[in-house]
Amino acid sequence: EKNAEHVLRVLRETGWTLQNLIVWQKRTSAVPNQWRYSKAYQIIAFATKGRKPRVFHRLRIDAPLRPEYRYERENGMFVTDVWDDIRELTSGYYAGDEALRHPDGTRVCTQQAPIALLLRILLASTNPNDWVLDPFAGTGTTLVVAEQLGRNAVGIEIDPQMVDVIRWRLNERRPADSIAPLRHYYRFTPNLDAIWPADAPSCSPITPQTPKLFER
C-alpha cells in the first residue's frame, strides 16, 4: 500500500493513536501489471485522539457462511479488521443503482464510496446526535448515511460540481441510498436499537437558504 507509510507518519506526528489498519477487501479482480500483483483492497486507518476511542461499538453481523462451516451461527459474528463483505461500486453498470450517473449513463465519480462502507464506520464509531466531519466529502455518502442514522454531519468539498451533486443527493433521498435494508444484517449487535434508532430524526433538506456544506 503506497500511501500507508505516509498516513502512519502523519498520524504519529500529529498525536493520533493507531488502533487498527482495516483491510477493505474488494470483490472484483483487477489486472496485474508486468512486475507486481494487482491491488484488491483498500486500507482504512482507525485512529483516535488518546489511548482509546471515545466511542467503539462492537458490531455483530450475519455474514454468509463459508463452505467449510457446517452449522449456522446463532448470534452472528463480530466485525474484524478485514472487511470482505462490502462490495465496492465497480465500473460500468455492474455498480448497480447506487452509483451516481449523468443522464448519458456515465459515472459521476468512479471513486464513490458505497453506503454500506460508511454505515459500518459511523455505526461503530458514533452515537446518535454526534457530529461527523468529512473533509473530503466527494459524492456525499458520509452525509447521506449520517442523516439516516440521526448524526449531525459537516462535509467539506472543494469541487463545485461535487457540491451540487451532494445537495441534489441529500434532497433527492434515492431508494438506492437507503440504509434500512442493511439493518437486518446487523441484527445480532446487542445495542443496535440504541446506536441505530428506528425513529432516527430526519435532517432537513439542503437548500441555498440553509447551507450545510463548507464550499470554500
Foldseek 3Di string as FASTA:
>chain_A
DVCVVVVVVVCVVVQKAWDDFAKEFEDDADDDDDPDGDDGTDTDTDIGRDDDAPFFFFFFFQDDDDPVDDDGDPLGGTDDSYHDPDYAQAPDCVSDPLFDADPVRHGPDRRDGALVVLLVVCLGRHAAAAEEEAADCQQNSNVLNCQQQNYHYEYEHADPVSVVNNLCCQVVVDPSSDCVVVLNRRVSRPCCCRRRPPCRDGDDRADPVRHRYDHD
